[in-house]
Amino acid sequence: MNQEQAACIALYHTRHIGPQRLYRLLDHFQTASNIVNADLQQLQSVNLSKQLISAILKPNWRMADKVATWVLEPDHHVVFFNEPSYPTLLKQINTPPALLYIVGDIQLLNKPQLAMVGTRKPTPSGQEAAYQFAYEAVYNQLCITSGLAIGIDTISHQTAIDNQGKTIAVLGCGVDVIYPSQNKKLYQDIREQGAIVSEFALGAQPTARHFPQRNRIIAGLSSGTLVVEAAVKSGSLITAQYALDANRDVFAIPGSIYNEQAQGCHSLIKQGATLVESFSDIADNFNFNHFNSVTSGPSRIQPKAALKTVKSHHTTQENQLPQQSALDLTEIDPTSICVLEHLGFEATAIDQLVERTGLAAEVISSSLLNLELDGRVSTIPGGYIRTKGKRL
């Protein structure tokens, strides 16, 4: 790491500077070295605030030294905005990061990517959709980019890993911090089979203000963003907005009007996002010559098989994916609670519930009868659905 890079790191991680102010300073001083070597009179001559001048006079050299040691480790990288290896698409967004920390395969950052985002509390059908679309994205040689969060992010990353695909996890903390902690194994798999990316300083802990910044990178790296399930007010819609601002494609999977986790997708569709029912709807909008023919691609994976793969990685007590459940369950027996939590707002057959819950078919049938009598479940052609609420 040379002196100019060290100066850039020291300034970037100095309080009160950040990417926007650093770019403005570089416009005037030309190099980071010139900024850190400027004296008080030079800084005052360009009408900087006292706060910013104070920050520039005390750059974070400790972080620069830490990075200089860190980057000596295998597969540890720092890429700066003016370098050829900086992701081309990310340069095109408003206020791109001045630098990125990468653990893993740095070449992936310039590969065609599909961002996949969504709720941390997916319904069973949302889990299946995430698996299906991620699987077909891998088949079509797309790198899946997401945020390592529980829920849709986790399923998307894990599907890529399980099917020998490539995936990038963009963090709202330092690349050396594993968050959430229950994704430690997935983090390790991604660094070996993909890349971990962050603009935040080494050792930086996750904070609420980091995640919108993280989301702009997810959208910025990708040619398009797929929202699988999301509430109206969610980080996934922030990511989608960043994608729109960068003139990228936004795709949304529709769901039941009774599913709160589908309302964000419906809102995006109303605003002009592309409604997708199959991966061909995404492929039709991507102009990638490397795409395999969708018509010759994999046939639709049955939800039963898809959920089985996801379930094998996420049903331990530590890694249990939270389920959509806004109903009052206080008066239901544990078996019926289990059945209800694995039932979505789309028709679900008993054999699917057997696969999801591990319960015997006769036990599920009995629970479904009780739930239907209680107004929590309805029978429709093709199976059972959860109702919006308990019948009065």
Protein backbone atom coordinates (compact mmCIF):
# COMPACT_ATOMS: atom_id res chain seq x y z
CA MET A 1 0.00 0.00 0.00
CA ASN A 2 1.52 3.32 -1.06
CA GLN A 3 1.44 6.69 0.69
CA GLU A 4 -1.44 8.03 -1.39
CA GLN A 5 -3.61 5.02 -0.55
CA ALA A 6 -2.72 5.27 3.14
CA ALA A 7 -3.70 8.94 3.12
CA CYS A 8 -7.02 8.13 1.43
CA ILE A 9 -7.82 5.47 4.05
CA ALA A 10 -6.84 7.77 6.92
CA LEU A 11 -9.09 10.56 5.63
CA TYR A 12 -12.01 8.30 4.68
CA HIS A 13 -12.22 6.92 8.19
CA THR A 14 -11.82 10.26 9.95
CA ARG A 15 -14.94 11.53 11.64
CA HIS A 16 -16.80 14.35 9.84
CA ILE A 17 -15.25 13.56 6.44
CA GLY A 18 -16.90 10.61 4.62
CA PRO A 19 -17.21 10.07 0.86
CA GLN A 20 -18.96 13.29 -0.21
CA ARG A 21 -16.56 15.62 1.59
CA LEU A 22 -13.55 13.56 0.53
CA TYR A 23 -14.53 13.86 -3.14
CA ARG A 24 -14.94 17.64 -2.78
CA LEU A 25 -11.55 17.90 -1.10
CA LEU A 26 -9.95 15.82 -3.85
CA ASP A 27 -11.47 18.09 -6.49
CA HIS A 28 -9.55 20.97 -4.95
CA PHE A 29 -6.33 19.35 -3.69
CA GLN A 30 -6.05 16.69 -6.43
CA THR A 31 -4.61 13.97 -4.15
CA ALA A 32 -5.19 12.64 -0.65
CA SER A 33 -1.51 13.22 0.10
CA ASN A 34 -1.92 16.92 -0.68
CA ILE A 35 -4.89 17.07 1.70
CA VAL A 36 -3.10 15.53 4.68
CA ASN A 37 0.00 17.63 4.02
CA ALA A 38 -1.91 20.93 3.79
CA ASP A 39 -1.26 23.39 6.61
CA LEU A 40 -3.86 25.40 8.51
CA GLN A 41 -3.52 28.43 6.26
CA GLN A 42 -4.07 26.37 3.11
CA LEU A 43 -7.16 24.72 4.59
CA GLN A 44 -8.61 28.04 5.74
CA SER A 45 -8.09 29.50 2.28
CA VAL A 46 -10.72 27.18 0.77
CA ASN A 47 -13.46 28.19 3.20
CA LEU A 48 -13.71 24.89 5.06
CA SER A 49 -15.59 24.72 8.35
CA LYS A 50 -13.61 24.69 11.58
CA GLN A 51 -14.95 21.18 12.25
CA LEU A 52 -13.73 19.86 8.91
CA ILE A 53 -10.35 21.58 9.23
CA SER A 54 -9.91 20.03 12.67
CA ALA A 55 -10.72 16.59 11.21
CA ILE A 56 -8.27 16.97 8.31
CA LEU A 57 -5.48 17.95 10.68
CA LYS A 58 -6.00 14.70 12.62
CA PRO A 59 -6.45 11.93 10.03
CA ASN A 60 -7.01 8.36 11.18
CA TRP A 61 -3.48 7.04 10.61
CA ARG A 62 -4.14 4.23 13.07
CA MET A 63 -6.72 2.75 10.68
CA ALA A 64 -4.35 3.16 7.75
CA ASP A 65 -1.71 1.18 9.63
CA LYS A 66 -4.27 -1.49 10.52
CA VAL A 67 -5.32 -1.86 6.88
CA ALA A 68 -1.69 -2.02 5.74
CA THR A 69 -1.25 -5.12 7.92
CA TRP A 70 -4.66 -6.61 7.09
CA VAL A 71 -4.14 -6.44 3.33
CA LEU A 72 -1.08 -8.68 3.58
CA GLU A 73 -3.34 -11.66 4.37
CA PRO A 74 -4.44 -13.95 1.51
CA ASP A 75 -7.60 -12.82 -0.33
CA HIS A 76 -7.70 -9.48 1.51
CA HIS A 77 -8.09 -6.52 -0.84
CA VAL A 78 -8.65 -2.77 -0.80
CA VAL A 79 -9.78 -1.22 -4.07
CA PHE A 80 -9.86 2.55 -4.59
CA PHE A 81 -12.23 4.56 -6.78
CA ASN A 82 -9.57 5.53 -9.32
CA GLU A 83 -8.29 1.99 -9.85
CA PRO A 84 -9.25 -0.22 -12.85
CA SER A 85 -10.47 -2.98 -10.54
CA TYR A 86 -13.09 -0.71 -8.95
CA PRO A 87 -16.56 -1.98 -10.01
CA THR A 88 -17.67 -0.14 -13.16
CA LEU A 89 -21.37 -0.10 -12.31
CA LEU A 90 -20.75 1.14 -8.78
CA LYS A 91 -18.91 4.19 -10.15
CA GLN A 92 -22.15 5.29 -11.79
CA ILE A 93 -24.21 5.82 -8.61
CA ASN A 94 -24.50 9.03 -6.63
CA THR A 95 -21.62 9.25 -4.16
CA PRO A 96 -19.96 5.86 -4.69
CA PRO A 97 -17.64 4.66 -1.93
CA ALA A 98 -14.13 6.06 -2.25
CA LEU A 99 -12.80 2.62 -1.40
CA LEU A 100 -13.99 -0.92 -0.76
CA TYR A 101 -12.67 -3.70 1.45
CA ILE A 102 -13.02 -7.15 -0.07
CA VAL A 103 -12.43 -10.61 1.34
CA GLY A 104 -12.49 -13.31 -1.33
CA ASP A 105 -12.65 -13.12 -5.12
CA ILE A 106 -12.18 -9.47 -6.13
CA GLN A 107 -12.89 -10.34 -9.79
CA LEU A 108 -16.55 -10.94 -8.96
CA LEU A 109 -17.19 -7.24 -8.40
CA ASN A 110 -17.12 -6.61 -12.14
CA LYS A 111 -19.11 -9.73 -13.06
CA PRO A 112 -22.83 -9.52 -14.02
CA GLN A 113 -24.83 -9.45 -10.81
CA LEU A 114 -28.45 -9.72 -9.70
CA ALA A 115 -29.27 -8.21 -6.31
CA MET A 116 -31.76 -10.28 -4.33
CA VAL A 117 -33.32 -8.67 -1.29
CA GLY A 118 -36.38 -9.10 0.88
CA THR A 119 -37.86 -9.51 4.31
CA ARG A 120 -36.14 -11.08 7.28
CA LYS A 121 -39.44 -12.87 7.96
CA PRO A 122 -40.37 -14.62 4.71
CA THR A 123 -43.49 -16.69 4.31
CA PRO A 124 -43.05 -20.28 3.12
CA SER A 125 -43.92 -19.21 -0.44
CA GLY A 126 -41.40 -16.38 -0.16
CA GLN A 127 -38.71 -18.85 0.85
CA GLU A 128 -39.55 -21.05 -2.11
CA ALA A 129 -39.53 -18.11 -4.53
CA ALA A 130 -36.14 -16.96 -3.24
CA TYR A 131 -34.72 -20.44 -3.75
CA GLN A 132 -36.22 -20.80 -7.23
CA PHE A 133 -35.03 -17.46 -8.56
CA ALA A 134 -31.58 -17.76 -6.97
CA TYR A 135 -31.18 -21.25 -8.43
CA GLU A 136 -32.03 -20.06 -11.93
CA ALA A 137 -29.81 -16.98 -11.56
CA VAL A 138 -26.91 -19.31 -10.79
CA TYR A 139 -27.79 -21.47 -13.79
CA ASN A 140 -27.68 -18.33 -15.94
CA GLN A 141 -24.21 -17.50 -14.62
CA LEU A 142 -25.27 -14.46 -12.62
CA CYS A 143 -23.56 -13.62 -9.36
CA ILE A 144 -26.10 -13.11 -6.58
CA THR A 145 -25.52 -9.99 -4.48
CA SER A 146 -27.27 -9.48 -1.16
CA GLY A 147 -26.74 -8.31 2.41
CA LEU A 148 -26.20 -11.48 4.51
CA ALA A 149 -29.30 -10.70 6.59
CA ILE A 150 -31.56 -13.41 7.97
CA GLY A 151 -34.42 -14.36 5.66
CA ILE A 152 -34.41 -13.74 1.91
CA ASP A 153 -30.75 -12.64 1.90
CA THR A 154 -29.65 -15.84 3.61
CA ILE A 155 -31.65 -18.09 1.28
CA SER A 156 -30.30 -16.29 -1.79
CA HIS A 157 -26.67 -16.59 -0.69
CA GLN A 158 -27.07 -20.18 0.47
CA THR A 159 -28.71 -21.27 -2.77
CA ALA A 160 -25.75 -19.92 -4.73
CA ILE A 161 -23.30 -21.72 -2.43
CA ASP A 162 -25.22 -25.01 -2.59
CA ASN A 163 -25.33 -24.93 -6.39
CA GLN A 164 -21.67 -23.98 -6.97
CA GLY A 165 -22.61 -20.45 -7.95
CA LYS A 166 -21.03 -17.12 -7.06
CA THR A 167 -22.36 -14.69 -4.48
CA ILE A 168 -21.36 -11.36 -2.94
CA ALA A 169 -22.34 -10.31 0.58
CA VAL A 170 -22.29 -6.56 1.22
CA LEU A 171 -22.06 -5.78 4.93
CA GLY A 172 -23.25 -2.92 7.10
CA CYS A 173 -20.14 -3.38 9.24
CA GLY A 174 -16.45 -4.09 8.69
CA VAL A 175 -15.60 -7.07 6.49
CA ASP A 176 -13.94 -8.66 9.52
CA VAL A 177 -17.17 -8.51 11.57
CA ILE A 178 -19.72 -11.30 11.15
CA TYR A 179 -23.27 -9.99 11.42
CA PRO A 180 -25.67 -11.55 12.11
CA SER A 181 -23.66 -13.99 14.19
CA GLN A 182 -25.84 -16.97 13.27
CA ASN A 183 -24.61 -16.63 9.69
CA LYS A 184 -21.01 -17.40 10.66
CA LYS A 185 -20.89 -20.59 8.58
CA LEU A 186 -22.47 -18.85 5.59
CA TYR A 187 -19.97 -15.98 5.93
CA GLN A 188 -17.09 -18.46 5.78
CA ASP A 189 -18.60 -20.21 2.76
CA ILE A 190 -19.07 -16.91 0.90
CA ARG A 191 -15.50 -15.76 1.48
CA GLU A 192 -14.33 -19.07 -0.04
CA GLN A 193 -16.82 -19.19 -2.93
CA GLY A 194 -17.57 -15.51 -3.45
CA ALA A 195 -16.73 -12.19 -1.86
CA ILE A 196 -17.45 -10.21 1.31
CA VAL A 197 -17.60 -6.45 0.65
CA SER A 198 -17.84 -3.31 2.78
CA GLU A 199 -16.87 0.35 2.72
CA PHE A 200 -16.80 0.54 6.52
CA ALA A 201 -13.61 0.49 8.54
CA LEU A 202 -12.15 -2.77 9.75
CA GLY A 203 -13.75 -3.64 13.07
CA ALA A 204 -16.73 -1.31 12.49
CA GLN A 205 -19.84 -2.64 14.22
CA PRO A 206 -23.28 -2.63 12.57
CA THR A 207 -25.41 0.46 13.28
CA ALA A 208 -28.79 1.55 11.92
CA ARG A 209 -27.27 4.30 9.76
CA HIS A 210 -24.89 1.83 8.10
CA PHE A 211 -27.58 -0.25 6.42
CA PRO A 212 -28.98 2.34 3.98
CA GLN A 213 -25.38 3.02 2.96
CA ARG A 214 -24.86 -0.73 2.56
CA ASN A 215 -28.01 -0.96 0.44
CA ARG A 216 -26.75 1.61 -2.08
CA ILE A 217 -23.73 -0.62 -2.71
CA ILE A 218 -25.91 -3.71 -3.21
CA ALA A 219 -27.98 -1.84 -5.81
CA GLY A 220 -24.94 -0.14 -7.32
CA LEU A 221 -23.00 -3.33 -7.96
CA SER A 222 -25.95 -5.00 -9.70
CA SER A 223 -27.55 -4.66 -13.10
CA GLY A 224 -30.93 -5.27 -11.51
CA THR A 225 -32.56 -5.76 -8.12
CA LEU A 226 -35.13 -8.45 -7.37
CA VAL A 227 -37.39 -7.87 -4.37
CA VAL A 228 -38.85 -11.20 -3.26
CA GLU A 229 -41.01 -10.22 -0.28
CA ALA A 230 -40.99 -6.88 1.54
CA ALA A 231 -43.21 -4.74 3.71
CA VAL A 232 -44.03 -1.19 2.62
CA LYS A 233 -41.49 0.27 5.04
CA SER A 234 -38.38 -1.86 4.72
CA GLY A 235 -34.72 -1.76 3.82
CA SER A 236 -35.48 -3.75 0.69
CA LEU A 237 -37.48 -0.86 -0.73
CA ILE A 238 -34.57 1.46 0.07
CA THR A 239 -32.36 -0.82 -2.02
CA ALA A 240 -34.93 -0.77 -4.82
CA GLN A 241 -35.03 3.04 -4.72
CA TYR A 242 -31.25 3.20 -5.01
CA ALA A 243 -31.49 0.90 -8.03
CA LEU A 244 -34.10 3.17 -9.65
CA ASP A 245 -31.96 6.23 -8.92
CA ALA A 246 -29.09 4.54 -10.74
CA ASN A 247 -31.35 3.70 -13.71
CA ARG A 248 -31.19 -0.03 -13.00
CA ASP A 249 -33.93 -2.61 -13.44
CA VAL A 250 -36.13 -3.35 -10.44
CA PHE A 251 -38.10 -6.60 -10.34
CA ALA A 252 -40.79 -7.51 -7.83
CA ILE A 253 -42.56 -10.79 -7.12
CA PRO A 254 -46.29 -10.30 -6.44
CA GLY A 255 -48.09 -12.07 -3.61
CA SER A 256 -51.40 -12.33 -1.84
CA ILE A 257 -53.18 -9.07 -1.03
CA TYR A 258 -53.51 -10.43 2.53
CA ASN A 259 -49.77 -10.89 2.96
CA GLU A 260 -48.19 -7.84 4.59
CA GLN A 261 -44.80 -9.01 3.31
CA ALA A 262 -46.05 -8.67 -0.27
CA GLN A 263 -47.31 -5.10 0.03
CA GLY A 264 -43.90 -3.58 -0.60
CA CYS A 265 -43.60 -5.55 -3.84
CA HIS A 266 -47.07 -4.42 -4.91
CA SER A 267 -46.10 -0.82 -4.20
CA LEU A 268 -43.01 -1.17 -6.38
CA ILE A 269 -45.06 -2.69 -9.21
CA LYS A 270 -47.48 0.25 -9.03
CA GLN A 271 -44.48 2.57 -9.38
CA GLY A 272 -43.26 0.81 -12.51
CA ALA A 273 -41.14 -2.10 -11.29
CA THR A 274 -41.28 -5.18 -13.50
CA LEU A 275 -43.66 -7.83 -12.20
CA VAL A 276 -41.94 -11.19 -12.41
CA GLU A 277 -43.52 -14.62 -12.32
CA SER A 278 -40.54 -16.60 -13.60
CA PHE A 279 -36.85 -16.04 -14.21
CA SER A 280 -37.51 -15.48 -17.92
CA ASP A 281 -39.12 -12.16 -16.95
CA ILE A 282 -35.73 -11.08 -15.57
CA ALA A 283 -33.70 -12.53 -18.44
CA ASP A 284 -35.85 -10.66 -20.96
CA ASN A 285 -34.77 -7.35 -19.38
CA PHE A 286 -31.07 -8.16 -19.00
CA ASN A 287 -28.90 -7.68 -22.05
CA PHE A 288 -26.27 -10.28 -21.23
CA ASN A 289 -24.86 -12.16 -24.17
CA HIS A 290 -23.57 -14.87 -21.85
CA PHE A 291 -27.08 -15.89 -20.83
CA ASN A 292 -28.09 -19.48 -21.41
CA SER A 293 -31.33 -19.88 -23.28
CA VAL A 294 -34.07 -19.70 -20.69
CA THR A 295 -36.19 -22.10 -22.68
CA SER A 296 -33.45 -24.71 -22.39
CA GLY A 297 -32.78 -23.95 -18.73
CA PRO A 298 -33.91 -25.96 -15.72
CA SER A 299 -37.56 -26.77 -15.43
CA ARG A 300 -39.31 -25.24 -12.46
CA ILE A 301 -38.17 -26.87 -9.24
CA GLN A 302 -41.14 -28.07 -7.26
CA PRO A 303 -41.63 -26.08 -4.06
CA LYS A 304 -41.33 -29.26 -2.03
CA ALA A 305 -37.80 -29.89 -3.30
CA ALA A 306 -36.83 -26.24 -2.98
CA LEU A 307 -37.94 -25.96 0.62
CA LYS A 308 -36.22 -29.19 1.52
CA THR A 309 -32.86 -27.75 0.41
CA VAL A 310 -33.41 -24.49 2.27
CA LYS A 311 -34.74 -26.26 5.32
CA SER A 312 -31.63 -28.40 5.70
CA HIS A 313 -29.59 -25.26 6.36
CA HIS A 314 -31.98 -23.18 8.43
CA THR A 315 -33.99 -25.32 10.80
CA THR A 316 -31.59 -25.61 13.70
CA GLN A 317 -32.57 -23.63 16.76
CA GLU A 318 -29.75 -21.13 16.13
CA ASN A 319 -30.49 -20.56 12.46
CA GLN A 320 -34.28 -20.85 12.38
CA LEU A 321 -35.70 -18.42 9.85
CA PRO A 322 -38.39 -16.26 11.44
CA GLN A 323 -41.79 -16.88 9.96
CA GLN A 324 -44.55 -14.49 9.00
CA SER A 325 -46.99 -14.58 11.91
CA ALA A 326 -49.13 -11.57 12.75
CA LEU A 327 -51.98 -13.61 14.25
CA ASP A 328 -52.84 -14.12 17.89
CA LEU A 329 -51.62 -17.67 18.61
CA THR A 330 -52.18 -17.68 22.35
CA GLU A 331 -55.04 -20.16 22.31
CA ILE A 332 -53.67 -22.65 19.76
CA ASP A 333 -51.91 -25.90 20.61
CA PRO A 334 -48.20 -26.14 19.65
CA THR A 335 -48.83 -28.52 16.75
CA SER A 336 -51.37 -26.19 15.16
CA ILE A 337 -49.01 -23.24 15.65
CA CYS A 338 -46.35 -25.18 13.76
CA VAL A 339 -48.76 -25.93 10.90
CA LEU A 340 -50.00 -22.34 10.72
CA GLU A 341 -46.52 -20.85 10.66
CA HIS A 342 -45.66 -23.03 7.66
CA LEU A 343 -48.83 -22.10 5.81
CA GLY A 344 -48.82 -19.07 3.53
CA PHE A 345 -51.40 -17.09 1.59
CA GLU A 346 -51.13 -19.30 -1.47
CA ALA A 347 -52.70 -22.73 -1.84
CA THR A 348 -50.59 -25.26 0.04
CA ALA A 349 -51.17 -29.00 -0.16
CA ILE A 350 -50.87 -31.34 2.82
CA ASP A 351 -47.82 -33.07 1.35
CA GLN A 352 -46.06 -29.69 1.20
CA LEU A 353 -46.84 -29.14 4.88
CA VAL A 354 -45.48 -32.61 5.65
CA GLU A 355 -42.22 -31.61 4.00
CA ARG A 356 -42.09 -28.23 5.72
CA THR A 357 -42.99 -29.32 9.24
CA GLY A 358 -41.83 -32.93 9.44
CA LEU A 359 -45.20 -33.86 10.93
CA ALA A 360 -47.28 -36.85 9.84
CA ALA A 361 -50.06 -36.21 7.32
CA GLU A 362 -52.79 -37.34 9.73
CA VAL A 363 -51.53 -34.96 12.42
CA ILE A 364 -51.53 -32.08 9.93
CA SER A 365 -55.04 -32.94 8.71
CA SER A 366 -56.37 -32.87 12.27
CA SER A 367 -54.70 -29.52 12.96
CA LEU A 368 -56.00 -28.05 9.72
CA LEU A 369 -59.54 -29.05 10.64
CA ASN A 370 -59.26 -27.31 14.00
CA LEU A 371 -57.70 -24.23 12.42
CA GLU A 372 -60.43 -24.08 9.79
CA LEU A 373 -63.15 -24.32 12.43
CA ASP A 374 -61.40 -21.50 14.28
CA GLY A 375 -61.40 -19.29 11.19
CA ARG A 376 -57.64 -19.19 10.79
CA VAL A 377 -57.42 -21.40 7.68
CA SER A 378 -59.55 -21.78 4.57
CA THR A 379 -59.83 -24.59 2.04
CA ILE A 380 -59.45 -23.62 -1.62
CA PRO A 381 -58.76 -25.61 -4.79
CA GLY A 382 -55.22 -26.89 -4.50
CA GLY A 383 -54.99 -26.94 -0.74
CA TYR A 384 -55.19 -24.62 2.26
CA ILE A 385 -54.42 -20.94 2.84
CA ARG A 386 -54.00 -18.82 5.92
CA THR A 387 -56.79 -16.27 6.38
CA LYS A 388 -56.03 -12.65 7.19
CA GLY A 389 -57.17 -12.98 10.79
CA LYS A 390 -59.32 -14.91 13.23
CA ARG A 391 -62.99 -14.98 12.33
CA LEU A 392 -65.25 -13.22 14.85
